[in-house]
């Protein structure tokens, strides 16, 4: 799994940061990419990468503020022009479908693929054999959601040394054992899958939070998550101002990760008031509370492998 940040700024684009957009690449897991928010000029950011819009199969919108959705009509239209014909599912708050459909109607935009809109509510909003996605409402100035993506446990590995000890021949029996099924050899010996397959491997949990002031719902969504992506529009000197605008500080984001028992924290949605020379202290203040904190920036990719982020 990879996290590719296309936009990490707050409110409006700046020279250093575009508005919110994050690609979660699940190519190794399920051959898909999921897009979280789609701020203005997201498709321009994609032009500087090897990402293919047609590979995006799901879009999750946290809320309807412009810095999180103004790039969506253009992205959807370009996905058609670039040969996308696979269906797309868009999850988002009430009103998102109406806005997109009216925009396309007025602009006479035609898509070459079908869109399924799913209005987000609290609880499980999507589940398949590999992943479960839950949503929770945060505390912003408009309805805003955070998303918790849980990868289901992965099958254990076939322990070949043990398999050979039992004399299991190469062929379909190995596949049955790996799939958790007991098998019978030609000599009548029963081989139990649990004896030759390692225990299931725990999948990862990723929490992506929309704009929010500090709240317990954020802590719940981030509970024991491997990675938490949390907005940090303000710093610790502006706690009251942050709350009045429905936003968080770097300190509050670190407290959420700490209280949730998370493993890693990625600070996102940074205000343009913080210049490059301000960021080391901004990061250090958060790390004093939650050491495994990192800053995001446009076009930075974080990799998740073997339960480590790098």
C-alpha atoms as a PDB file:
ATOM      1  CA  UNK A   1       0.000   0.000   0.000  1.00  0.00           C
ATOM      2  CA  UNK A   2       1.191   3.492  -0.850  1.00  0.00           C
ATOM      3  CA  UNK A   3      -0.078   6.947   0.086  1.00  0.00           C
ATOM      4  CA  UNK A   4       0.572   9.513  -2.638  1.00  0.00           C
ATOM      5  CA  UNK A   5      -0.217  13.049  -1.489  1.00  0.00           C
ATOM      6  CA  UNK A   6      -1.259  15.294  -4.370  1.00  0.00           C
ATOM      7  CA  UNK A   7      -2.418  18.253  -2.283  1.00  0.00           C
ATOM      8  CA  UNK A   8      -1.607  18.997   1.350  1.00  0.00           C
ATOM      9  CA  UNK A   9      -2.616  22.628   1.795  1.00  0.00           C
ATOM     10  CA  UNK A  10      -5.567  24.264   3.524  1.00  0.00           C
ATOM     11  CA  UNK A  11      -8.212  26.589   2.139  1.00  0.00           C
ATOM     12  CA  UNK A  12      -6.595  27.642  -1.114  1.00  0.00           C
ATOM     13  CA  UNK A  13      -3.578  26.607  -3.189  1.00  0.00           C
ATOM     14  CA  UNK A  14      -0.194  28.146  -2.410  1.00  0.00           C
ATOM     15  CA  UNK A  15       3.173  27.992  -4.144  1.00  0.00           C
ATOM     16  CA  UNK A  16       4.215  25.129  -1.883  1.00  0.00           C
ATOM     17  CA  UNK A  17       0.967  23.187  -1.470  1.00  0.00           C
ATOM     18  CA  UNK A  18      -2.072  22.440  -3.590  1.00  0.00           C
ATOM     19  CA  UNK A  19      -5.517  21.823  -2.098  1.00  0.00           C
ATOM     20  CA  UNK A  20      -6.533  18.479  -0.617  1.00  0.00           C
ATOM     21  CA  UNK A  21      -6.140  15.241  -2.551  1.00  0.00           C
ATOM     22  CA  UNK A  22      -4.686  11.895  -1.572  1.00  0.00           C
ATOM     23  CA  UNK A  23      -4.312   8.738  -3.654  1.00  0.00           C
ATOM     24  CA  UNK A  24      -4.256   5.457  -1.740  1.00  0.00           C
ATOM     25  CA  UNK A  25      -2.601   2.928  -4.029  1.00  0.00           C
ATOM     26  CA  UNK A  26      -3.831  -0.604  -3.407  1.00  0.00           C
ATOM     27  CA  UNK A  27      -2.308  -2.021  -6.560  1.00  0.00           C
ATOM     28  CA  UNK A  28      -0.555  -4.947  -4.880  1.00  0.00           C
ATOM     29  CA  UNK A  29      -3.595  -5.722  -2.750  1.00  0.00           C
ATOM     30  CA  UNK A  30      -6.517  -5.443  -5.189  1.00  0.00           C
ATOM     31  CA  UNK A  31      -5.207  -3.659  -8.304  1.00  0.00           C
ATOM     32  CA  UNK A  32      -7.071  -0.432  -7.522  1.00  0.00           C
ATOM     33  CA  UNK A  33      -6.427   3.171  -6.506  1.00  0.00           C
ATOM     34  CA  UNK A  34      -8.737   5.137  -4.222  1.00  0.00           C
ATOM     35  CA  UNK A  35      -8.872   8.940  -4.189  1.00  0.00           C
ATOM     36  CA  UNK A  36      -9.656  10.840  -0.989  1.00  0.00           C
ATOM     37  CA  UNK A  37     -10.863  14.387  -1.691  1.00  0.00           C
ATOM     38  CA  UNK A  38     -10.216  16.180  -4.959  1.00  0.00           C
ATOM     39  CA  UNK A  39      -9.309  19.824  -4.523  1.00  0.00           C
ATOM     40  CA  UNK A  40      -8.805  22.299  -7.334  1.00  0.00           C
ATOM     41  CA  UNK A  41      -6.112  21.277  -9.873  1.00  0.00           C
ATOM     42  CA  UNK A  42      -5.850  17.697  -8.658  1.00  0.00           C
ATOM     43  CA  UNK A  43      -5.638  16.517 -12.259  1.00  0.00           C
ATOM     44  CA  UNK A  44      -2.779  18.958 -12.855  1.00  0.00           C
ATOM     45  CA  UNK A  45      -0.927  17.397  -9.925  1.00  0.00           C
ATOM     46  CA  UNK A  46      -1.496  13.973 -11.465  1.00  0.00           C
ATOM     47  CA  UNK A  47       0.185  15.140 -14.687  1.00  0.00           C
ATOM     48  CA  UNK A  48       3.481  15.262 -12.786  1.00  0.00           C
ATOM     49  CA  UNK A  49       3.163  11.605 -11.802  1.00  0.00           C
ATOM     50  CA  UNK A  50       2.762   8.180 -13.393  1.00  0.00           C
ATOM     51  CA  UNK A  51      -0.729   7.815 -11.866  1.00  0.00           C
ATOM     52  CA  UNK A  52      -3.520   6.784 -14.240  1.00  0.00           C
ATOM     53  CA  UNK A  53      -6.968   8.276 -13.471  1.00  0.00           C
ATOM     54  CA  UNK A  54      -8.665   5.250 -15.027  1.00  0.00           C
ATOM     55  CA  UNK A  55      -7.115   3.138 -12.243  1.00  0.00           C
ATOM     56  CA  UNK A  56      -9.108   5.116  -9.673  1.00  0.00           C
ATOM     57  CA  UNK A  57     -12.148   3.003  -8.871  1.00  0.00           C
ATOM     58  CA  UNK A  58     -13.450   4.771  -5.759  1.00  0.00           C
ATOM     59  CA  UNK A  59     -13.493   8.373  -4.578  1.00  0.00           C
ATOM     60  CA  UNK A  60     -14.180   9.334  -0.964  1.00  0.00           C
ATOM     61  CA  UNK A  61     -15.099  12.961  -0.261  1.00  0.00           C
ATOM     62  CA  UNK A  62     -14.886  14.170   3.335  1.00  0.00           C
ATOM     63  CA  UNK A  63     -17.018  17.312   2.951  1.00  0.00           C
ATOM     64  CA  UNK A  64     -18.286  19.849   0.455  1.00  0.00           C
ATOM     65  CA  UNK A  65     -15.875  22.748   0.998  1.00  0.00           C
ATOM     66  CA  UNK A  66     -14.294  23.905  -2.246  1.00  0.00           C
ATOM     67  CA  UNK A  67     -10.716  23.035  -1.341  1.00  0.00           C
ATOM     68  CA  UNK A  68     -11.833  19.402  -1.130  1.00  0.00           C
ATOM     69  CA  UNK A  69     -14.131  19.124  -4.197  1.00  0.00           C
ATOM     70  CA  UNK A  70     -13.471  21.845  -6.792  1.00  0.00           C
ATOM     71  CA  UNK A  71     -11.191  19.532  -8.771  1.00  0.00           C
ATOM     72  CA  UNK A  72     -13.719  16.717  -8.968  1.00  0.00           C
ATOM     73  CA  UNK A  73     -15.710  17.689 -12.113  1.00  0.00           C
ATOM     74  CA  UNK A  74     -12.493  18.127 -14.081  1.00  0.00           C
ATOM     75  CA  UNK A  75     -11.028  14.888 -12.821  1.00  0.00           C
ATOM     76  CA  UNK A  76     -14.166  12.928 -13.717  1.00  0.00           C
ATOM     77  CA  UNK A  77     -14.310  14.477 -17.176  1.00  0.00           C
ATOM     78  CA  UNK A  78     -10.626  13.830 -17.889  1.00  0.00           C
ATOM     79  CA  UNK A  79     -11.015  10.230 -16.767  1.00  0.00           C
ATOM     80  CA  UNK A  80     -13.348   9.821 -19.757  1.00  0.00           C
ATOM     81  CA  UNK A  81     -10.982  11.518 -22.200  1.00  0.00           C
ATOM     82  CA  UNK A  82      -8.139   9.301 -21.009  1.00  0.00           C
ATOM     83  CA  UNK A  83      -9.918   6.074 -21.839  1.00  0.00           C
ATOM     84  CA  UNK A  84     -11.592   5.326 -18.552  1.00  0.00           C
ATOM     85  CA  UNK A  85     -14.612   3.132 -19.073  1.00  0.00           C
ATOM     86  CA  UNK A  86     -14.690   1.208 -15.809  1.00  0.00           C
ATOM     87  CA  UNK A  87     -17.500   2.129 -13.375  1.00  0.00           C
ATOM     88  CA  UNK A  88     -16.617   4.505 -10.559  1.00  0.00           C
ATOM     89  CA  UNK A  89     -18.094   4.741  -7.070  1.00  0.00           C
ATOM     90  CA  UNK A  90     -18.149   8.098  -5.281  1.00  0.00           C
ATOM     91  CA  UNK A  91     -18.786   8.270  -1.534  1.00  0.00           C
ATOM     92  CA  UNK A  92     -19.605  11.618   0.019  1.00  0.00           C
ATOM     93  CA  UNK A  93     -21.975  13.763   2.081  1.00  0.00           C
ATOM     94  CA  UNK A  94     -25.520  14.632   1.077  1.00  0.00           C
ATOM     95  CA  UNK A  95     -25.537  17.131  -1.781  1.00  0.00           C
ATOM     96  CA  UNK A  96     -22.444  15.847  -3.590  1.00  0.00           C
ATOM     97  CA  UNK A  97     -24.401  13.913  -6.216  1.00  0.00           C
ATOM     98  CA  UNK A  98     -26.685  16.879  -6.903  1.00  0.00           C
ATOM     99  CA  UNK A  99     -23.704  19.221  -7.342  1.00  0.00           C
ATOM    100  CA  UNK A 100     -21.907  16.894  -9.757  1.00  0.00           C
ATOM    101  CA  UNK A 101     -24.999  16.109 -11.817  1.00  0.00           C
ATOM    102  CA  UNK A 102     -25.996  19.775 -12.110  1.00  0.00           C
ATOM    103  CA  UNK A 103     -22.443  20.746 -13.072  1.00  0.00           C
ATOM    104  CA  UNK A 104     -22.372  18.128 -15.821  1.00  0.00           C
ATOM    105  CA  UNK A 105     -25.857  19.026 -17.016  1.00  0.00           C
ATOM    106  CA  UNK A 106     -25.060  22.721 -17.340  1.00  0.00           C
ATOM    107  CA  UNK A 107     -21.670  22.109 -18.953  1.00  0.00           C
ATOM    108  CA  UNK A 108     -23.009  19.377 -21.282  1.00  0.00           C
ATOM    109  CA  UNK A 109     -20.369  16.973 -19.997  1.00  0.00           C
ATOM    110  CA  UNK A 110     -20.739  13.339 -21.074  1.00  0.00           C
ATOM    111  CA  UNK A 111     -18.916  10.509 -19.350  1.00  0.00           C
ATOM    112  CA  UNK A 112     -17.963   7.170 -20.897  1.00  0.00           C
ATOM    113  CA  UNK A 113     -18.503   5.286 -17.662  1.00  0.00           C
ATOM    114  CA  UNK A 114     -21.150   4.885 -14.999  1.00  0.00           C
ATOM    115  CA  UNK A 115     -20.939   6.562 -11.585  1.00  0.00           C
ATOM    116  CA  UNK A 116     -22.554   5.133  -8.486  1.00  0.00           C
ATOM    117  CA  UNK A 117     -23.072   7.740  -5.772  1.00  0.00           C
ATOM    118  CA  UNK A 118     -23.242   6.577  -2.176  1.00  0.00           C
ATOM    119  CA  UNK A 119     -24.373   9.081   0.444  1.00  0.00           C
ATOM    120  CA  UNK A 120     -22.153   8.650   3.475  1.00  0.00           C
ATOM    121  CA  UNK A 121     -23.534   7.922   6.920  1.00  0.00           C
ATOM    122  CA  UNK A 122     -21.909   6.856  10.156  1.00  0.00           C
ATOM    123  CA  UNK A 123     -20.921   3.194  10.240  1.00  0.00           C
ATOM    124  CA  UNK A 124     -19.754   0.736   7.592  1.00  0.00           C
ATOM    125  CA  UNK A 125     -20.183   2.214   4.110  1.00  0.00           C
ATOM    126  CA  UNK A 126     -18.291  -0.343   2.025  1.00  0.00           C
ATOM    127  CA  UNK A 127     -17.087  -3.906   2.455  1.00  0.00           C
ATOM    128  CA  UNK A 128     -15.720  -6.643   0.232  1.00  0.00           C
ATOM    129  CA  UNK A 129     -13.569  -9.733   0.710  1.00  0.00           C
ATOM    130  CA  UNK A 130     -10.447  -7.634   1.295  1.00  0.00           C
ATOM    131  CA  UNK A 131     -11.433  -4.337   2.928  1.00  0.00           C
ATOM    132  CA  UNK A 132     -13.979  -2.676   5.177  1.00  0.00           C
ATOM    133  CA  UNK A 133     -14.476   1.098   5.154  1.00  0.00           C
ATOM    134  CA  UNK A 134     -16.271   2.873   7.993  1.00  0.00           C
ATOM    135  CA  UNK A 135     -17.197   6.528   8.304  1.00  0.00           C
ATOM    136  CA  UNK A 136     -17.695   8.780  11.299  1.00  0.00           C
ATOM    137  CA  UNK A 137     -18.925  12.364  11.447  1.00  0.00           C
ATOM    138  CA  UNK A 138     -16.349  14.833  12.708  1.00  0.00           C
ATOM    139  CA  UNK A 139     -16.780  18.362  14.090  1.00  0.00           C
ATOM    140  CA  UNK A 140     -16.335  20.943  11.365  1.00  0.00           C
ATOM    141  CA  UNK A 141     -18.476  23.908  10.304  1.00  0.00           C
ATOM    142  CA  UNK A 142     -20.291  21.771   7.717  1.00  0.00           C
ATOM    143  CA  UNK A 143     -21.035  18.025   7.774  1.00  0.00           C
ATOM    144  CA  UNK A 144     -17.659  16.328   7.452  1.00  0.00           C
ATOM    145  CA  UNK A 145     -16.551  12.710   7.680  1.00  0.00           C
ATOM    146  CA  UNK A 146     -13.479  10.717   8.519  1.00  0.00           C
ATOM    147  CA  UNK A 147     -12.824   7.327   6.964  1.00  0.00           C
ATOM    148  CA  UNK A 148     -11.356   4.190   8.542  1.00  0.00           C
ATOM    149  CA  UNK A 149     -10.016   1.663   6.033  1.00  0.00           C
ATOM    150  CA  UNK A 150      -9.396  -1.787   7.470  1.00  0.00           C
ATOM    151  CA  UNK A 151      -7.660  -4.478   5.477  1.00  0.00           C
ATOM    152  CA  UNK A 152      -8.958  -7.904   6.411  1.00  0.00           C
ATOM    153  CA  UNK A 153      -6.542 -10.510   7.711  1.00  0.00           C
ATOM    154  CA  UNK A 154      -4.344 -12.080   5.058  1.00  0.00           C
ATOM    155  CA  UNK A 155      -4.081 -15.872   4.690  1.00  0.00           C
ATOM    156  CA  UNK A 156      -1.157 -17.535   6.404  1.00  0.00           C
ATOM    157  CA  UNK A 157       1.816 -18.773   4.410  1.00  0.00           C
ATOM    158  CA  UNK A 158       2.327 -22.407   3.484  1.00  0.00           C
ATOM    159  CA  UNK A 159       5.180 -23.810   5.584  1.00  0.00           C
ATOM    160  CA  UNK A 160       7.027 -25.800   2.938  1.00  0.00           C
ATOM    161  CA  UNK A 161       9.389 -27.531   5.345  1.00  0.00           C
ATOM    162  CA  UNK A 162       6.438 -28.997   7.216  1.00  0.00           C
ATOM    163  CA  UNK A 163       4.636 -29.843   3.974  1.00  0.00           C
ATOM    164  CA  UNK A 164       7.662 -31.800   2.787  1.00  0.00           C
ATOM    165  CA  UNK A 165       7.876 -33.578   6.134  1.00  0.00           C
ATOM    166  CA  UNK A 166       4.331 -34.835   5.648  1.00  0.00           C
ATOM    167  CA  UNK A 167       5.135 -35.911   2.102  1.00  0.00           C
ATOM    168  CA  UNK A 168       2.544 -33.755   0.350  1.00  0.00           C
ATOM    169  CA  UNK A 169       3.203 -33.893  -3.413  1.00  0.00           C
ATOM    170  CA  UNK A 170       3.371 -30.798  -5.604  1.00  0.00           C
ATOM    171  CA  UNK A 171       0.087 -29.917  -7.221  1.00  0.00           C
ATOM    172  CA  UNK A 172      -3.469 -28.949  -6.299  1.00  0.00           C
ATOM    173  CA  UNK A 173      -3.215 -30.335  -2.761  1.00  0.00           C
ATOM    174  CA  UNK A 174      -0.796 -27.519  -1.870  1.00  0.00           C
ATOM    175  CA  UNK A 175      -3.310 -24.932  -3.011  1.00  0.00           C
ATOM    176  CA  UNK A 176      -6.056 -26.553  -0.968  1.00  0.00           C
ATOM    177  CA  UNK A 177      -3.886 -26.539   2.138  1.00  0.00           C
ATOM    178  CA  UNK A 178      -2.957 -22.879   1.637  1.00  0.00           C
ATOM    179  CA  UNK A 179      -6.654 -22.126   1.297  1.00  0.00           C
ATOM    180  CA  UNK A 180      -7.249 -23.626   4.730  1.00  0.00           C
ATOM    181  CA  UNK A 181      -8.663 -26.963   3.618  1.00  0.00           C
ATOM    182  CA  UNK A 182      -7.533 -30.287   5.056  1.00  0.00           C
ATOM    183  CA  UNK A 183      -6.395 -32.857   2.472  1.00  0.00           C
ATOM    184  CA  UNK A 184      -6.061 -36.630   2.277  1.00  0.00           C
ATOM    185  CA  UNK A 185      -3.010 -38.268   0.694  1.00  0.00           C
ATOM    186  CA  UNK A 186      -3.182 -41.375  -1.457  1.00  0.00           C
ATOM    187  CA  UNK A 187      -2.052 -43.457   1.530  1.00  0.00           C
ATOM    188  CA  UNK A 188      -5.004 -42.236   3.573  1.00  0.00           C
ATOM    189  CA  UNK A 189      -3.059 -39.787   5.728  1.00  0.00           C
ATOM    190  CA  UNK A 190      -5.050 -36.671   6.631  1.00  0.00           C
ATOM    191  CA  UNK A 191      -3.027 -33.435   6.580  1.00  0.00           C
ATOM    192  CA  UNK A 192      -4.626 -30.636   8.573  1.00  0.00           C
ATOM    193  CA  UNK A 193      -4.145 -27.167   7.125  1.00  0.00           C
ATOM    194  CA  UNK A 194      -3.545 -25.667  10.564  1.00  0.00           C
ATOM    195  CA  UNK A 195      -0.449 -27.857  10.904  1.00  0.00           C
ATOM    196  CA  UNK A 196       1.251 -26.619   7.717  1.00  0.00           C
ATOM    197  CA  UNK A 197       0.001 -23.035   7.355  1.00  0.00           C
ATOM    198  CA  UNK A 198       1.163 -20.104   9.482  1.00  0.00           C
ATOM    199  CA  UNK A 199      -1.462 -18.060  11.365  1.00  0.00           C
ATOM    200  CA  UNK A 200      -3.281 -15.342   9.382  1.00  0.00           C
ATOM    201  CA  UNK A 201      -1.392 -12.071   9.022  1.00  0.00           C
ATOM    202  CA  UNK A 202      -3.138  -9.012  10.407  1.00  0.00           C
ATOM    203  CA  UNK A 203      -4.089  -6.460   7.774  1.00  0.00           C
ATOM    204  CA  UNK A 204      -3.383  -2.738   8.086  1.00  0.00           C
ATOM    205  CA  UNK A 205      -5.728  -0.020   9.324  1.00  0.00           C
ATOM    206  CA  UNK A 206      -5.594   3.439   7.758  1.00  0.00           C
ATOM    207  CA  UNK A 207      -7.582   6.400   9.108  1.00  0.00           C
ATOM    208  CA  UNK A 208      -8.072   9.491   6.935  1.00  0.00           C
ATOM    209  CA  UNK A 209      -9.765  12.374   8.693  1.00  0.00           C
ATOM    210  CA  UNK A 210     -11.445  15.316   7.055  1.00  0.00           C
ATOM    211  CA  UNK A 211     -11.401  18.825   8.511  1.00  0.00           C
ATOM    212  CA  UNK A 212     -12.255  18.800  12.199  1.00  0.00           C
ATOM    213  CA  UNK A 213     -11.601  20.372  15.522  1.00  0.00           C
ATOM    214  CA  UNK A 214     -10.370  18.044  18.255  1.00  0.00           C
ATOM    215  CA  UNK A 215     -13.106  15.494  18.999  1.00  0.00           C
ATOM    216  CA  UNK A 216     -13.610  12.000  20.351  1.00  0.00           C
ATOM    217  CA  UNK A 217     -14.977  10.734  17.039  1.00  0.00           C
ATOM    218  CA  UNK A 218     -11.515  11.299  15.551  1.00  0.00           C
ATOM    219  CA  UNK A 219      -9.988   9.246  18.354  1.00  0.00           C
ATOM    220  CA  UNK A 220     -12.489   6.435  17.764  1.00  0.00           C
ATOM    221  CA  UNK A 221     -11.856   6.354  14.023  1.00  0.00           C
ATOM    222  CA  UNK A 222      -8.109   6.260  14.691  1.00  0.00           C
ATOM    223  CA  UNK A 223      -8.287   3.572  17.384  1.00  0.00           C
ATOM    224  CA  UNK A 224      -5.148   1.415  17.104  1.00  0.00           C
ATOM    225  CA  UNK A 225      -4.744   2.449  13.466  1.00  0.00           C
ATOM    226  CA  UNK A 226      -1.427   1.832  11.790  1.00  0.00           C
ATOM    227  CA  UNK A 227      -1.528   5.196  10.018  1.00  0.00           C
ATOM    228  CA  UNK A 228      -3.579   8.294  10.845  1.00  0.00           C
ATOM    229  CA  UNK A 229      -3.793  11.175   8.366  1.00  0.00           C
ATOM    230  CA  UNK A 230      -4.931  14.178  10.399  1.00  0.00           C
ATOM    231  CA  UNK A 231      -5.347  17.807   9.478  1.00  0.00           C
ATOM    232  CA  UNK A 232      -3.103  20.360  11.215  1.00  0.00           C
ATOM    233  CA  UNK A 233      -4.254  23.704   9.879  1.00  0.00           C
ATOM    234  CA  UNK A 234      -2.967  25.635  12.897  1.00  0.00           C
ATOM    235  CA  UNK A 235      -0.216  25.302  15.485  1.00  0.00           C
ATOM    236  CA  UNK A 236      -0.433  25.083  19.264  1.00  0.00           C
ATOM    237  CA  UNK A 237      -0.428  28.853  19.738  1.00  0.00           C
ATOM    238  CA  UNK A 238      -3.788  29.125  17.938  1.00  0.00           C
ATOM    239  CA  UNK A 239      -5.929  26.496  19.663  1.00  0.00           C
ATOM    240  CA  UNK A 240      -8.969  28.722  20.191  1.00  0.00           C
ATOM    241  CA  UNK A 241      -8.807  30.122  16.663  1.00  0.00           C
ATOM    242  CA  UNK A 242      -8.551  26.605  15.253  1.00  0.00           C
ATOM    243  CA  UNK A 243     -11.647  25.460  17.146  1.00  0.00           C
ATOM    244  CA  UNK A 244     -13.642  28.479  16.020  1.00  0.00           C
ATOM    245  CA  UNK A 245     -13.022  27.526  12.395  1.00  0.00           C
ATOM    246  CA  UNK A 246     -13.614  23.814  13.006  1.00  0.00           C
ATOM    247  CA  UNK A 247      -9.963  22.916  12.583  1.00  0.00           C
ATOM    248  CA  UNK A 248      -7.173  21.292  14.566  1.00  0.00           C
ATOM    249  CA  UNK A 249      -3.660  22.187  15.608  1.00  0.00           C
ATOM    250  CA  UNK A 250      -0.566  20.047  15.250  1.00  0.00           C
ATOM    251  CA  UNK A 251      -0.699  19.478  19.018  1.00  0.00           C
ATOM    252  CA  UNK A 252      -4.303  18.285  18.922  1.00  0.00           C
ATOM    253  CA  UNK A 253      -3.575  15.935  16.027  1.00  0.00           C
ATOM    254  CA  UNK A 254      -0.724  14.420  18.033  1.00  0.00           C
ATOM    255  CA  UNK A 255      -3.026  13.989  21.030  1.00  0.00           C
ATOM    256  CA  UNK A 256      -5.581  12.164  18.862  1.00  0.00           C
ATOM    257  CA  UNK A 257      -2.923   9.724  17.651  1.00  0.00           C
ATOM    258  CA  UNK A 258      -1.599   9.272  21.191  1.00  0.00           C
ATOM    259  CA  UNK A 259      -5.017   8.663  22.731  1.00  0.00           C
ATOM    260  CA  UNK A 260      -6.000   6.325  19.895  1.00  0.00           C
ATOM    261  CA  UNK A 261      -2.915   4.161  20.325  1.00  0.00           C
ATOM    262  CA  UNK A 262      -2.003   4.680  16.672  1.00  0.00           C
ATOM    263  CA  UNK A 263       1.337   3.694  15.199  1.00  0.00           C
ATOM    264  CA  UNK A 264       2.090   6.574  12.816  1.00  0.00           C
ATOM    265  CA  UNK A 265       0.678  10.097  12.354  1.00  0.00           C
ATOM    266  CA  UNK A 266       0.852  12.115   9.126  1.00  0.00           C
ATOM    267  CA  UNK A 267       0.102  15.827   9.520  1.00  0.00           C
ATOM    268  CA  UNK A 268      -1.870  17.118   6.548  1.00  0.00           C
ATOM    269  CA  UNK A 269      -3.901  20.177   5.420  1.00  0.00           C
ATOM    270  CA  UNK A 270      -1.308  22.735   6.528  1.00  0.00           C
ATOM    271  CA  UNK A 271      -2.027  26.442   6.345  1.00  0.00           C
ATOM    272  CA  UNK A 272      -0.007  28.591   3.959  1.00  0.00           C
ATOM    273  CA  UNK A 273       0.886  30.781   6.979  1.00  0.00           C
ATOM    274  CA  UNK A 274       3.541  28.186   7.819  1.00  0.00           C
ATOM    275  CA  UNK A 275       6.560  28.829   5.633  1.00  0.00           C
ATOM    276  CA  UNK A 276       9.254  26.186   5.051  1.00  0.00           C
ATOM    277  CA  UNK A 277      11.439  27.545   7.853  1.00  0.00           C
ATOM    278  CA  UNK A 278       8.509  27.239  10.302  1.00  0.00           C
ATOM    279  CA  UNK A 279       7.946  23.537   9.700  1.00  0.00           C
ATOM    280  CA  UNK A 280      10.801  21.979  11.721  1.00  0.00           C
ATOM    281  CA  UNK A 281       9.438  23.510  14.951  1.00  0.00           C
ATOM    282  CA  UNK A 282       5.869  22.720  13.860  1.00  0.00           C
ATOM    283  CA  UNK A 283       6.866  19.061  13.535  1.00  0.00           C
ATOM    284  CA  UNK A 284       8.979  18.960  16.713  1.00  0.00           C
ATOM    285  CA  UNK A 285       6.090  20.282  18.803  1.00  0.00           C
ATOM    286  CA  UNK A 286       3.871  17.435  17.595  1.00  0.00           C
ATOM    287  CA  UNK A 287       6.625  14.838  18.003  1.00  0.00           C
ATOM    288  CA  UNK A 288       7.064  15.877  21.632  1.00  0.00           C
ATOM    289  CA  UNK A 289       3.602  14.380  22.206  1.00  0.00           C
ATOM    290  CA  UNK A 290       3.581  11.634  19.567  1.00  0.00           C
ATOM    291  CA  UNK A 291       7.118  10.757  18.379  1.00  0.00           C
ATOM    292  CA  UNK A 292       6.072   8.864  15.243  1.00  0.00           C
ATOM    293  CA  UNK A 293       4.736  12.006  13.570  1.00  0.00           C
ATOM    294  CA  UNK A 294       5.650  13.052  10.034  1.00  0.00           C
ATOM    295  CA  UNK A 295       4.749  15.977   7.796  1.00  0.00           C
ATOM    296  CA  UNK A 296       3.101  15.500   4.434  1.00  0.00           C
ATOM    297  CA  UNK A 297       3.923  17.546   1.370  1.00  0.00           C
ATOM    298  CA  UNK A 298       2.776  17.560  -2.238  1.00  0.00           C
ATOM    299  CA  UNK A 299       3.979  14.627  -4.355  1.00  0.00           C
ATOM    300  CA  UNK A 300       5.461  12.775  -1.386  1.00  0.00           C
ATOM    301  CA  UNK A 301       4.783   9.039  -1.315  1.00  0.00           C
ATOM    302  CA  UNK A 302       4.662   7.004   1.904  1.00  0.00           C
ATOM    303  CA  UNK A 303       5.045   3.232   1.609  1.00  0.00           C
ATOM    304  CA  UNK A 304       3.545   0.672   3.972  1.00  0.00           C
ATOM    305  CA  UNK A 305       5.349  -2.666   3.991  1.00  0.00           C
ATOM    306  CA  UNK A 306       5.926  -5.299   6.675  1.00  0.00           C
ATOM    307  CA  UNK A 307       4.089  -3.163   9.230  1.00  0.00           C
ATOM    308  CA  UNK A 308       6.455  -0.231   8.721  1.00  0.00           C
ATOM    309  CA  UNK A 309       5.993   3.189   7.133  1.00  0.00           C
ATOM    310  CA  UNK A 310       8.781   4.655   5.035  1.00  0.00           C
END
